[in-house]
PDB file of N, CA and C in Angstrom:
ATOM      1  N   MET A   1     195.589-134.245  88.033  1.00  0.00           N
ATOM      2  CA  MET A   1     196.577-134.012  86.904  1.00  0.00           C
ATOM      3  C   MET A   1     196.098-134.028  85.558  1.00  0.00           C
ATOM      4  N   ARG A   2     196.647-133.028  84.555  1.00  0.00           N
ATOM      5  CA  ARG A   2     196.557-132.890  83.303  1.00  0.00           C
ATOM      6  C   ARG A   2     197.563-133.043  82.323  1.00  0.00           C
ATOM      7  N   SER A   3     197.257-133.498  81.154  1.00  0.00           N
ATOM      8  CA  SER A   3     198.458-133.571  80.244  1.00  0.00           C
ATOM      9  C   SER A   3     198.172-132.879  79.115  1.00  0.00           C
ATOM     10  N   ARG A   4     199.214-132.332  78.652  1.00  0.00           N
ATOM     11  CA  ARG A   4     199.255-131.289  77.356  1.00  0.00           C
ATOM     12  C   ARG A   4     200.293-131.808  76.324  1.00  0.00           C
ATOM     13  N   ARG A   5     200.100-131.933  75.205  1.00  0.00           N
ATOM     14  CA  ARG A   5     201.020-132.131  74.151  1.00  0.00           C
ATOM     15  C   ARG A   5     201.329-131.063  73.214  1.00  0.00           C
ATOM     16  N   LEU A   6     202.599-130.526  73.465  1.00  0.00           N
ATOM     17  CA  LEU A   6     202.892-129.324  72.585  1.00  0.00           C
ATOM     18  C   LEU A   6     204.210-129.708  71.587  1.00  0.00           C
ATOM     19  N   LYS A   7     204.157-129.116  70.787  1.00  0.00           N
ATOM     20  CA  LYS A   7     205.410-128.813  69.754  1.00  0.00           C
ATOM     21  C   LYS A   7     206.257-127.477  69.935  1.00  0.00           C
ATOM     22  N   LEU A   8     207.404-127.770  70.384  1.00  0.00           N
ATOM     23  CA  LEU A   8     208.352-126.411  70.789  1.00  0.00           C
ATOM     24  C   LEU A   8     209.372-126.598  69.571  1.00  0.00           C
ATOM     25  N   THR A   9     209.322-125.300  69.088  1.00  0.00           N
ATOM     26  CA  THR A   9     210.276-125.040  68.119  1.00  0.00           C
ATOM     27  C   THR A   9     211.482-124.024  68.674  1.00  0.00           C
ATOM     28  N   PHE A  10     212.742-124.425  68.500  1.00  0.00           N
ATOM     29  CA  PHE A  10     213.517-123.499  69.373  1.00  0.00           C
ATOM     30  C   PHE A  10     214.314-122.774  68.543  1.00  0.00           C
ATOM     31  N   PRO A  11     214.445-121.328  68.636  1.00  0.00           N
ATOM     32  CA  PRO A  11     215.402-120.520  67.727  1.00  0.00           C
ATOM     33  C   PRO A  11     217.031-120.941  68.179  1.00  0.00           C
ATOM     34  N   GLU A  12     217.906-120.438  67.335  1.00  0.00           N
ATOM     35  CA  GLU A  12     219.308-120.931  67.248  1.00  0.00           C
ATOM     36  C   GLU A  12     219.880-120.426  68.488  1.00  0.00           C
ATOM     37  N   THR A  13     219.217-119.256  69.246  1.00  0.00           N
ATOM     38  CA  THR A  13     220.081-118.863  70.336  1.00  0.00           C
ATOM     39  C   THR A  13     219.549-119.597  71.534  1.00  0.00           C
ATOM     40  N   LEU A  14     218.573-120.675  71.360  1.00  0.00           N
ATOM     41  CA  LEU A  14     218.175-121.324  72.752  1.00  0.00           C
ATOM     42  C   LEU A  14     218.559-122.846  72.512  1.00  0.00           C
ATOM     43  N   ILE A  15     219.212-123.083  71.353  1.00  0.00           N
ATOM     44  CA  ILE A  15     219.545-124.581  70.987  1.00  0.00           C
ATOM     45  C   ILE A  15     220.362-125.154  72.199  1.00  0.00           C
ATOM     46  N   GLN A  16     221.162-124.672  73.020  1.00  0.00           N
ATOM     47  CA  GLN A  16     222.297-125.117  73.795  1.00  0.00           C
ATOM     48  C   GLN A  16     221.502-124.839  75.291  1.00  0.00           C
ATOM     49  N   GLU A  17     220.603-124.304  75.379  1.00  0.00           N
ATOM     50  CA  GLU A  17     220.093-123.982  76.821  1.00  0.00           C
ATOM     51  C   GLU A  17     219.269-125.089  77.226  1.00  0.00           C
ATOM     52  N   PRO A  18     219.234-125.450  78.703  1.00  0.00           N
ATOM     53  CA  PRO A  18     218.491-126.804  79.113  1.00  0.00           C
ATOM     54  C   PRO A  18     216.900-126.098  79.379  1.00  0.00           C
ATOM     55  N   ILE A  19     216.379-125.705  78.407  1.00  0.00           N
ATOM     56  CA  ILE A  19     215.005-125.269  78.599  1.00  0.00           C
ATOM     57  C   ILE A  19     213.899-126.165  79.155  1.00  0.00           C
ATOM     58  N   ILE A  20     213.834-127.499  78.698  1.00  0.00           N
ATOM     59  CA  ILE A  20     212.969-128.452  79.187  1.00  0.00           C
ATOM     60  C   ILE A  20     213.275-128.477  80.786  1.00  0.00           C
ATOM     61  N   HIS A  21     214.479-128.901  81.165  1.00  0.00           N
ATOM     62  CA  HIS A  21     214.652-129.206  82.350  1.00  0.00           C
ATOM     63  C   HIS A  21     214.320-127.855  83.624  1.00  0.00           C
ATOM     64  N   GLY A  22     214.571-126.743  82.860  1.00  0.00           N
ATOM     65  CA  GLY A  22     214.152-125.486  83.445  1.00  0.00           C
ATOM     66  C   GLY A  22     212.460-125.474  83.891  1.00  0.00           C
ATOM     67  N   VAL A  23     212.013-125.674  82.794  1.00  0.00           N
ATOM     68  CA  VAL A  23     210.400-125.739  82.752  1.00  0.00           C
ATOM     69  C   VAL A  23     209.918-126.599  83.854  1.00  0.00           C
ATOM     70  N   ALA A  24     210.557-127.910  83.806  1.00  0.00           N
ATOM     71  CA  ALA A  24     210.097-128.870  84.858  1.00  0.00           C
ATOM     72  C   ALA A  24     210.318-128.721  86.292  1.00  0.00           C
ATOM     73  N   THR A  25     211.542-128.070  86.380  1.00  0.00           N
ATOM     74  CA  THR A  25     211.787-127.866  87.753  1.00  0.00           C
ATOM     75  C   THR A  25     211.134-126.440  88.343  1.00  0.00           C
ATOM     76  N   ARG A  26     211.016-125.567  87.369  1.00  0.00           N
ATOM     77  CA  ARG A  26     210.394-124.352  87.741  1.00  0.00           C
ATOM     78  C   ARG A  26     208.945-124.293  88.096  1.00  0.00           C
ATOM     79  N   PHE A  27     208.178-125.077  87.186  1.00  0.00           N
ATOM     80  CA  PHE A  27     206.912-125.163  87.352  1.00  0.00           C
ATOM     81  C   PHE A  27     206.127-126.473  87.912  1.00  0.00           C
ATOM     82  N   ASP A  28     207.049-127.270  88.157  1.00  0.00           N
ATOM     83  CA  ASP A  28     206.640-128.709  88.777  1.00  0.00           C
ATOM     84  C   ASP A  28     205.576-129.297  87.900  1.00  0.00           C
ATOM     85  N   VAL A  29     206.184-129.900  86.646  1.00  0.00           N
ATOM     86  CA  VAL A  29     205.447-130.461  85.629  1.00  0.00           C
ATOM     87  C   VAL A  29     206.402-131.673  85.235  1.00  0.00           C
ATOM     88  N   VAL A  30     205.797-132.674  85.044  1.00  0.00           N
ATOM     89  CA  VAL A  30     206.720-133.707  84.511  1.00  0.00           C
ATOM     90  C   VAL A  30     206.745-133.726  82.966  1.00  0.00           C
ATOM     91  N   THR A  31     207.895-133.831  82.432  1.00  0.00           N
ATOM     92  CA  THR A  31     208.081-133.738  80.925  1.00  0.00           C
ATOM     93  C   THR A  31     208.425-135.026  80.442  1.00  0.00           C
ATOM     94  N   ASN A  32     207.845-135.244  79.354  1.00  0.00           N
ATOM     95  CA  ASN A  32     208.059-136.488  78.361  1.00  0.00           C
ATOM     96  C   ASN A  32     208.256-136.094  76.805  1.00  0.00           C
ATOM     97  N   ILE A  33     209.566-136.292  76.594  1.00  0.00           N
ATOM     98  CA  ILE A  33     209.935-136.043  75.262  1.00  0.00           C
ATOM     99  C   ILE A  33     209.335-137.175  74.376  1.00  0.00           C
ATOM    100  N   ARG A  34     208.512-136.917  73.398  1.00  0.00           N
ATOM    101  CA  ARG A  34     208.008-137.845  72.338  1.00  0.00           C
ATOM    102  C   ARG A  34     208.442-137.957  71.132  1.00  0.00           C
ATOM    103  N   ARG A  35     209.155-137.140  70.787  1.00  0.00           N
ATOM    104  CA  ARG A  35     209.809-136.895  69.393  1.00  0.00           C
ATOM    105  C   ARG A  35     210.653-135.535  69.461  1.00  0.00           C
ATOM    106  N   ALA A  36     211.803-135.786  68.734  1.00  0.00           N
ATOM    107  CA  ALA A  36     212.732-134.428  68.667  1.00  0.00           C
ATOM    108  C   ALA A  36     213.706-134.670  67.436  1.00  0.00           C
ATOM    109  N   ASP A  37     214.078-133.329  67.107  1.00  0.00           N
ATOM    110  CA  ASP A  37     214.985-133.208  66.271  1.00  0.00           C
ATOM    111  C   ASP A  37     215.946-131.993  66.414  1.00  0.00           C
ATOM    112  N   ILE A  38     216.975-132.218  67.024  1.00  0.00           N
ATOM    113  CA  ILE A  38     217.894-131.204  67.066  1.00  0.00           C
ATOM    114  C   ILE A  38     219.092-131.112  66.374  1.00  0.00           C
ATOM    115  N   ARG A  39     219.241-129.884  65.759  1.00  0.00           N
ATOM    116  CA  ARG A  39     220.484-129.909  64.986  1.00  0.00           C
ATOM    117  C   ARG A  39     221.227-128.603  65.405  1.00  0.00           C
ATOM    118  N   GLU A  40     222.278-128.329  64.711  1.00  0.00           N
ATOM    119  CA  GLU A  40     223.368-127.135  65.289  1.00  0.00           C
ATOM    120  C   GLU A  40     222.574-125.870  65.420  1.00  0.00           C
ATOM    121  N   ASN A  41     221.613-125.525  64.430  1.00  0.00           N
ATOM    122  CA  ASN A  41     221.112-124.102  64.227  1.00  0.00           C
ATOM    123  C   ASN A  41     219.501-124.098  64.474  1.00  0.00           C
ATOM    124  N   THR A  42     219.112-125.216  64.596  1.00  0.00           N
ATOM    125  CA  THR A  42     217.534-125.023  64.843  1.00  0.00           C
ATOM    126  C   THR A  42     217.033-126.654  65.472  1.00  0.00           C
ATOM    127  N   GLY A  43     215.973-126.606  66.020  1.00  0.00           N
ATOM    128  CA  GLY A  43     215.624-127.946  66.854  1.00  0.00           C
ATOM    129  C   GLY A  43     214.107-127.815  67.168  1.00  0.00           C
ATOM    130  N   TRP A  44     213.537-129.020  67.256  1.00  0.00           N
ATOM    131  CA  TRP A  44     211.772-129.086  67.740  1.00  0.00           C
ATOM    132  C   TRP A  44     211.854-130.272  68.619  1.00  0.00           C
ATOM    133  N   VAL A  45     210.895-130.273  69.403  1.00  0.00           N
ATOM    134  CA  VAL A  45     210.639-131.282  70.395  1.00  0.00           C
ATOM    135  C   VAL A  45     209.157-131.480  70.428  1.00  0.00           C
ATOM    136  N   VAL A  46     208.494-132.603  70.440  1.00  0.00           N
ATOM    137  CA  VAL A  46     207.117-132.740  70.796  1.00  0.00           C
ATOM    138  C   VAL A  46     207.234-133.435  72.136  1.00  0.00           C
ATOM    139  N   LEU A  47     206.634-132.342  73.181  1.00  0.00           N
ATOM    140  CA  LEU A  47     206.868-132.614  74.437  1.00  0.00           C
ATOM    141  C   LEU A  47     205.532-132.753  75.239  1.00  0.00           C
ATOM    142  N   GLU A  48     205.186-133.826  75.879  1.00  0.00           N
ATOM    143  CA  GLU A  48     204.141-133.924  76.823  1.00  0.00           C
ATOM    144  C   GLU A  48     204.490-133.586  78.095  1.00  0.00           C
ATOM    145  N   LEU A  49     203.484-132.674  78.649  1.00  0.00           N
ATOM    146  CA  LEU A  49     203.700-132.040  79.886  1.00  0.00           C
ATOM    147  C   LEU A  49     202.398-132.467  80.877  1.00  0.00           C
ATOM    148  N   THR A  50     202.768-132.886  81.851  1.00  0.00           N
ATOM    149  CA  THR A  50     201.849-133.530  83.082  1.00  0.00           C
ATOM    150  C   THR A  50     201.985-132.626  84.291  1.00  0.00           C
ATOM    151  N   GLY A  51     200.896-132.027  84.808  1.00  0.00           N
ATOM    152  CA  GLY A  51     200.506-131.230  85.913  1.00  0.00           C
ATOM    153  C   GLY A  51     199.257-130.519  86.292  1.00  0.00           C
ATOM    154  N   SER A  52     199.231-129.767  87.173  1.00  0.00           N
ATOM    155  CA  SER A  52     198.081-128.937  87.455  1.00  0.00           C
ATOM    156  C   SER A  52     197.852-128.022  85.973  1.00  0.00           C
ATOM    157  N   GLU A  53     196.651-127.636  86.021  1.00  0.00           N
ATOM    158  CA  GLU A  53     196.127-126.943  84.783  1.00  0.00           C
ATOM    159  C   GLU A  53     196.988-125.594  85.045  1.00  0.00           C
ATOM    160  N   GLN A  54     196.928-124.815  86.166  1.00  0.00           N
ATOM    161  CA  GLN A  54     197.891-123.764  86.272  1.00  0.00           C
ATOM    162  C   GLN A  54     199.280-124.108  85.992  1.00  0.00           C
ATOM    163  N   SER A  55     199.790-125.090  86.548  1.00  0.00           N
ATOM    164  CA  SER A  55     201.332-125.237  86.141  1.00  0.00           C
ATOM    165  C   SER A  55     201.621-125.363  84.699  1.00  0.00           C
ATOM    166  N   LEU A  56     200.451-125.972  83.949  1.00  0.00           N
ATOM    167  CA  LEU A  56     200.754-126.251  82.569  1.00  0.00           C
ATOM    168  C   LEU A  56     200.522-124.910  81.743  1.00  0.00           C
ATOM    169  N   ASP A  57     199.730-123.890  82.158  1.00  0.00           N
ATOM    170  CA  ASP A  57     199.359-122.614  81.511  1.00  0.00           C
ATOM    171  C   ASP A  57     200.604-121.673  82.034  1.00  0.00           C
ATOM    172  N   ASP A  58     201.190-122.142  83.320  1.00  0.00           N
ATOM    173  CA  ASP A  58     202.437-121.231  83.463  1.00  0.00           C
ATOM    174  C   ASP A  58     203.579-121.175  82.803  1.00  0.00           C
ATOM    175  N   ALA A  59     203.988-122.867  82.597  1.00  0.00           N
ATOM    176  CA  ALA A  59     205.074-123.388  81.805  1.00  0.00           C
ATOM    177  C   ALA A  59     204.925-122.957  80.445  1.00  0.00           C
ATOM    178  N   GLN A  60     203.942-122.989  79.722  1.00  0.00           N
ATOM    179  CA  GLN A  60     203.526-122.621  78.386  1.00  0.00           C
ATOM    180  C   GLN A  60     203.938-121.056  78.205  1.00  0.00           C
ATOM    181  N   ARG A  61     203.366-120.275  79.218  1.00  0.00           N
ATOM    182  CA  ARG A  61     203.510-118.995  78.915  1.00  0.00           C
ATOM    183  C   ARG A  61     204.917-118.504  79.143  1.00  0.00           C
ATOM    184  N   HIS A  62     205.763-119.409  80.130  1.00  0.00           N
ATOM    185  CA  HIS A  62     206.960-119.273  80.008  1.00  0.00           C
ATOM    186  C   HIS A  62     207.977-119.352  79.027  1.00  0.00           C
ATOM    187  N   LEU A  63     207.647-120.428  78.198  1.00  0.00           N
ATOM    188  CA  LEU A  63     208.139-120.871  77.185  1.00  0.00           C
ATOM    189  C   LEU A  63     208.078-119.820  76.032  1.00  0.00           C
ATOM    190  N   LEU A  64     206.716-119.302  75.967  1.00  0.00           N
ATOM    191  CA  LEU A  64     206.667-118.218  74.586  1.00  0.00           C
ATOM    192  C   LEU A  64     207.265-116.920  75.119  1.00  0.00           C
ATOM    193  N   ASP A  65     207.562-116.690  76.574  1.00  0.00           N
ATOM    194  CA  ASP A  65     208.412-115.558  76.854  1.00  0.00           C
ATOM    195  C   ASP A  65     209.731-115.662  76.728  1.00  0.00           C
ATOM    196  N   LEU A  66     210.363-116.992  76.676  1.00  0.00           N
ATOM    197  CA  LEU A  66     211.682-117.115  76.354  1.00  0.00           C
ATOM    198  C   LEU A  66     211.818-116.998  74.826  1.00  0.00           C
ATOM    199  N   GLY A  67     210.964-117.032  74.000  1.00  0.00           N
ATOM    200  CA  GLY A  67     211.040-117.035  72.378  1.00  0.00           C
ATOM    201  C   GLY A  67     210.976-118.358  71.950  1.00  0.00           C
ATOM    202  N   VAL A  68     210.580-119.429  72.599  1.00  0.00           N
ATOM    203  CA  VAL A  68     210.194-120.650  72.103  1.00  0.00           C
ATOM    204  C   VAL A  68     208.823-120.752  71.136  1.00  0.00           C
ATOM    205  N   ARG A  69     208.696-121.029  70.128  1.00  0.00           N
ATOM    206  CA  ARG A  69     207.434-121.460  69.305  1.00  0.00           C
ATOM    207  C   ARG A  69     206.612-122.573  70.105  1.00  0.00           C
ATOM    208  N   VAL A  70     205.408-122.238  70.395  1.00  0.00           N
ATOM    209  CA  VAL A  70     204.735-123.574  71.094  1.00  0.00           C
ATOM    210  C   VAL A  70     203.447-123.544  70.208  1.00  0.00           C
ATOM    211  N   ASP A  71     203.359-124.730  69.752  1.00  0.00           N
ATOM    212  CA  ASP A  71     202.194-125.221  69.066  1.00  0.00           C
ATOM    213  C   ASP A  71     201.429-126.189  69.659  1.00  0.00           C
ATOM    214  N   ASP A  72     200.286-126.383  69.742  1.00  0.00           N
ATOM    215  CA  ASP A  72     199.121-127.507  70.378  1.00  0.00           C
ATOM    216  C   ASP A  72     199.246-128.525  69.355  1.00  0.00           C
ATOM    217  N   VAL A  73     199.939-129.648  69.822  1.00  0.00           N
ATOM    218  CA  VAL A  73     199.998-130.892  68.942  1.00  0.00           C
ATOM    219  C   VAL A  73     198.558-131.424  68.753  1.00  0.00           C
ATOM    220  N   GLU A  74     197.704-131.393  69.908  1.00  0.00           N
ATOM    221  CA  GLU A  74     196.466-131.879  69.859  1.00  0.00           C
ATOM    222  C   GLU A  74     195.633-131.238  68.604  1.00  0.00           C
ATOM    223  N   ALA A  75     195.589-129.982  68.503  1.00  0.00           N
ATOM    224  CA  ALA A  75     195.052-129.223  67.372  1.00  0.00           C
ATOM    225  C   ALA A  75     195.462-129.928  65.881  1.00  0.00           C
ATOM    226  N   TYR A  76     196.433-130.353  65.779  1.00  0.00           N
ATOM    227  CA  TYR A  76     197.012-131.038  64.713  1.00  0.00           C
ATOM    228  C   TYR A  76     196.170-132.494  64.548  1.00  0.00           C
ATOM    229  N   LEU A  77     196.006-133.185  65.591  1.00  0.00           N
ATOM    230  CA  LEU A  77     195.533-134.514  65.415  1.00  0.00           C
ATOM    231  C   LEU A  77     193.952-134.458  65.377  1.00  0.00           C
ATOM    232  N   GLU A  78     193.369-133.328  65.477  1.00  0.00           N
ATOM    233  CA  GLU A  78     191.765-133.598  65.324  1.00  0.00           C
ATOM    234  C   GLU A  78     191.485-133.499  63.800  1.00  0.00           C
TER     235      GLU A  78
END
C-alpha cells in the first residue's frame, strides 16, 4: 500500500458534490482529510489517499477529469 497527499481545489460547481466519497468507493482507496476550508463558492482539501499505486493514479486522474485542481502536497514540503 502506498500513500499520496494531495491538495484538491474545487470549483464552485462541485462544492456540493460528494467527490471524496465517490473516489474512495470507486477506486478502493482510503481517504483521510488532513486539512480543509470549504466555503459557499470555493473550497480546498488536503487529502491523504492510501491504496495501490494503480488505484492512486486512477483516482487522481478521475479528480482531474471532474475539473478538480490537484496539487501534490509533497512537492511543497521538499
